[in-house]
Structures are given as structure tokens and as C-alpha cells.
Protein backbone atom coordinates (compact mmCIF):
# COMPACT_ATOMS: atom_id res chain seq x y z
CA UNK A 1 1.88 -43.57 -2.43
CA UNK A 2 -1.00 -44.76 -3.50
CA UNK A 3 -3.31 -43.15 -0.48
CA UNK A 4 -1.69 -39.84 -1.05
CA UNK A 5 -2.31 -39.68 -4.38
CA UNK A 6 -6.09 -41.32 -3.94
CA UNK A 7 -6.19 -38.18 -1.36
CA UNK A 8 -4.80 -35.38 -3.60
CA UNK A 9 -7.53 -36.54 -5.83
CA UNK A 10 -10.50 -36.04 -3.90
CA UNK A 11 -8.93 -33.27 -2.24
CA UNK A 12 -8.53 -32.11 -6.12
CA UNK A 13 -12.22 -32.63 -6.34
CA UNK A 14 -13.96 -30.81 -3.81
CA UNK A 15 -11.54 -28.11 -4.01
CA UNK A 16 -12.43 -27.80 -7.76
CA UNK A 17 -16.27 -28.23 -6.48
CA UNK A 18 -16.00 -25.81 -3.56
CA UNK A 19 -14.38 -22.87 -6.50
CA UNK A 20 -17.70 -23.85 -9.21
CA UNK A 21 -19.60 -22.63 -6.03
CA UNK A 22 -17.31 -19.32 -4.96
CA UNK A 23 -17.68 -18.28 -9.13
CA UNK A 24 -21.28 -18.97 -8.60
CA UNK A 25 -22.14 -17.35 -5.85
CA UNK A 26 -20.12 -14.08 -6.74
CA UNK A 27 -21.46 -13.92 -10.06
CA UNK A 28 -25.02 -13.66 -8.46
CA UNK A 29 -23.84 -11.20 -6.14
CA UNK A 30 -25.24 -7.25 -7.60
CA UNK A 31 -23.20 -5.90 -10.16
CA UNK A 32 -24.16 -1.94 -8.80
CA UNK A 33 -23.63 -1.10 -12.62
CA UNK A 34 -27.14 0.37 -12.35
CA UNK A 35 -26.04 2.99 -9.69
CA UNK A 36 -23.17 4.47 -11.34
CA UNK A 37 -20.45 2.02 -9.22
CA UNK A 38 -17.33 2.02 -11.21
CA UNK A 39 -17.90 -1.98 -12.33
CA UNK A 40 -14.59 -2.47 -10.85
CA UNK A 41 -15.42 -2.32 -7.37
CA UNK A 42 -18.59 -4.89 -7.33
CA UNK A 43 -18.71 -6.58 -4.60
CA UNK A 44 -18.27 -10.59 -6.14
CA UNK A 45 -15.43 -9.00 -8.24
CA UNK A 46 -12.20 -10.73 -5.74
CA UNK A 47 -14.40 -13.56 -4.56
CA UNK A 48 -15.06 -14.14 -8.46
CA UNK A 49 -11.11 -14.36 -9.42
CA UNK A 50 -10.14 -16.11 -5.93
CA UNK A 51 -12.75 -18.74 -7.07
CA UNK A 52 -11.02 -18.83 -10.72
CA UNK A 53 -7.78 -19.09 -9.58
CA UNK A 54 -8.75 -22.13 -7.18
CA UNK A 55 -10.63 -23.62 -9.84
CA UNK A 56 -7.39 -23.68 -12.31
CA UNK A 57 -5.72 -24.98 -9.39
CA UNK A 58 -7.83 -27.89 -7.97
CA UNK A 59 -8.14 -28.79 -12.40
CA UNK A 60 -4.23 -29.24 -12.11
CA UNK A 61 -4.64 -31.11 -8.81
CA UNK A 62 -6.82 -33.29 -10.33
CA UNK A 63 -5.09 -33.91 -13.80
CA UNK A 64 -1.82 -34.33 -12.07
CA UNK A 65 -3.03 -36.93 -9.39
CA UNK A 66 -4.58 -39.47 -12.54
CA UNK A 67 -1.98 -38.77 -14.53
CA UNK A 68 1.04 -39.95 -13.02
CA UNK A 69 0.16 -42.04 -9.07
CA UNK A 70 3.76 -41.16 -7.86
CA UNK A 71 3.43 -37.23 -8.12
CA UNK A 72 1.96 -36.97 -4.68
CA UNK A 73 4.59 -35.71 -2.24
CA UNK A 74 4.69 -37.54 1.19
CA UNK A 75 4.58 -35.20 3.93
CA UNK A 76 4.87 -37.00 7.43
CA UNK A 77 2.08 -35.27 9.46
CA UNK A 78 3.10 -36.52 12.41
CA UNK A 79 6.97 -34.91 12.15
CA UNK A 80 8.23 -32.05 14.44
CA UNK A 81 8.96 -30.50 11.55
CA UNK A 82 5.83 -29.62 10.34
CA UNK A 83 4.40 -28.98 13.84
CA UNK A 84 6.87 -26.48 13.89
CA UNK A 85 6.80 -24.92 10.46
CA UNK A 86 2.91 -24.39 11.01
CA UNK A 87 2.89 -22.82 14.32
CA UNK A 88 5.53 -20.41 12.51
CA UNK A 89 3.57 -19.68 9.80
CA UNK A 90 -0.21 -19.28 12.50
CA UNK A 91 2.14 -16.72 14.31
CA UNK A 92 4.09 -14.65 11.34
CA UNK A 93 0.13 -14.01 9.84
CA UNK A 94 -0.61 -13.35 13.59
CA UNK A 95 1.61 -10.86 13.57
CA UNK A 96 0.91 -9.38 10.22
CA UNK A 97 -2.70 -8.62 10.26
CA UNK A 98 -2.88 -8.46 14.62
CA UNK A 99 0.58 -6.52 14.80
CA UNK A 100 1.07 -4.41 11.91
CA UNK A 101 -1.52 -3.93 10.13
CA UNK A 102 -3.42 -0.51 11.61
CA UNK A 103 -0.13 0.34 13.22
CA UNK A 104 2.11 0.50 9.82
CA UNK A 105 1.26 1.60 6.54
CA UNK A 106 0.11 -1.39 4.65
CA UNK A 107 2.43 -1.32 1.72
CA UNK A 108 5.45 -0.91 4.77
CA UNK A 109 3.47 -3.91 7.48
CA UNK A 110 3.14 -6.52 3.86
CA UNK A 111 6.45 -5.43 2.78
CA UNK A 112 7.86 -6.67 6.33
CA UNK A 113 5.77 -9.72 6.15
CA UNK A 114 6.84 -10.90 3.16
CA UNK A 115 10.03 -10.21 3.53
CA UNK A 116 10.05 -11.84 6.74
CA UNK A 117 8.34 -14.91 5.56
CA UNK A 118 10.45 -15.85 2.92
CA UNK A 119 13.40 -14.72 4.25
CA UNK A 120 13.10 -18.13 7.46
CA UNK A 121 11.69 -20.46 5.09
CA UNK A 122 14.08 -20.05 2.05
CA UNK A 123 16.90 -19.60 4.54
CA UNK A 124 20.38 -20.89 3.46
CA UNK A 125 23.16 -20.76 5.54
CA UNK A 126 25.46 -21.13 2.56
CA UNK A 127 23.61 -18.27 0.50
CA UNK A 128 23.07 -15.62 2.99
CA UNK A 129 22.86 -12.62 1.21
CA UNK A 130 21.31 -14.08 -1.87
CA UNK A 131 18.37 -15.00 0.38
CA UNK A 132 17.96 -11.78 1.73
CA UNK A 133 18.24 -10.21 -1.26
CA UNK A 134 15.75 -12.22 -2.91
CA UNK A 135 13.70 -11.66 0.20
CA UNK A 136 13.67 -8.09 -0.56
CA UNK A 137 12.70 -8.14 -4.02
CA UNK A 138 10.18 -10.53 -2.99
CA UNK A 139 9.01 -7.96 -0.41
CA UNK A 140 9.37 -4.60 -2.67
CA UNK A 141 7.45 -6.60 -5.70
CA UNK A 142 4.78 -7.63 -3.63
CA UNK A 143 4.05 -5.18 -1.42
CA UNK A 144 4.19 -2.68 -4.37
CA UNK A 145 1.38 -5.13 -6.64
CA UNK A 146 -0.71 -5.59 -4.03
CA UNK A 147 -1.06 -2.09 -2.84
CA UNK A 148 -1.62 -0.28 -7.04
CA UNK A 149 -3.88 -3.50 -7.66
CA UNK A 150 -6.04 -2.70 -4.53
CA UNK A 151 -5.58 0.92 -5.19
CA UNK A 152 -5.79 1.46 -8.33
CA UNK A 153 -8.00 -1.41 -9.65
CA UNK A 154 -10.29 -2.77 -7.21
CA UNK A 155 -10.52 0.93 -6.17
CA UNK A 156 -10.08 -0.08 -2.37
CA UNK A 157 -8.63 2.25 0.62
CA UNK A 158 -6.30 0.58 2.27
CA UNK A 159 -4.69 1.20 5.72
């Protein structure tokens, strides 16, 4: 456990430093306000927000690794289950980005991706209906919220 905790601490420091660099660089990007462009469409807005989220997560991981030495989760990177889940994640992401996006409306493609991802990784044979109902609810919520966020707030046209 001590090695995992030390790894968490080093990764938290790296993630925090990376997030600070992202926020600083996104702040330095042009604002385009002098050209009459809507402030929410500034090119540094999305990277800046993502950088702030990464900063919060990095600080939370750092606090957890310092506060509680036994808080780390032991994962065996050599286990077949770990590699199978990683390969399945890559396959699902590639299916979404190459197979669904551009061929289906964005909201439908995103909903299908989220439904499939949640249904596969949360599958519980004993609660089959609950698993699929939860996956469907999450798919609808994510597809709607992401579409509205990008189209209404960030003013980005989605395919």
C-alpha cells in the first residue's frame, strides 16, 4: 500500500502542475472581445475549464494521499481483467469517434455511446432491468446536457 500511496502523491503533483500550466496557457490565449466575438466562444475557455477541473482533482488526490496512507486502491496492472477492460474501453471510444460521430446526429451518437459504456461496465445480472434503466437515464441526461452546453453556452455547432 505504501508504494501505491507514494505513486498517488507523485501523480497528484504532476497532475496539479499540468493543470496549472493548462489554466495559465488558456488564460494567455486571445479573448477576441475586441473583434465583437461572444465571450463564451473564446478559444481558451474550454481548455481553461478543463484545467480547473484537473486542478481540483489533482489537489483532491494529493490531499487524500497525504491524509490517509491506506486510501490507495490496489490494482494489479498485470491482471487479465485490467487489460480486458482497457481494451474494451479503447474499442468503445473508437467505435464512438470513428463509427458513430459524423454518421449519426451528435445527440444520438453520444447517447448510444454512454448507454453502451454504462451498460457494459455496470452490468449486474441480478439487477438487469435496473442496470439498463440506469444506463438509459444516464445516456439521455448526458446526451442532452452535452448538446445543450456546447450549442447554447459555448456556441459550437455539433455534427
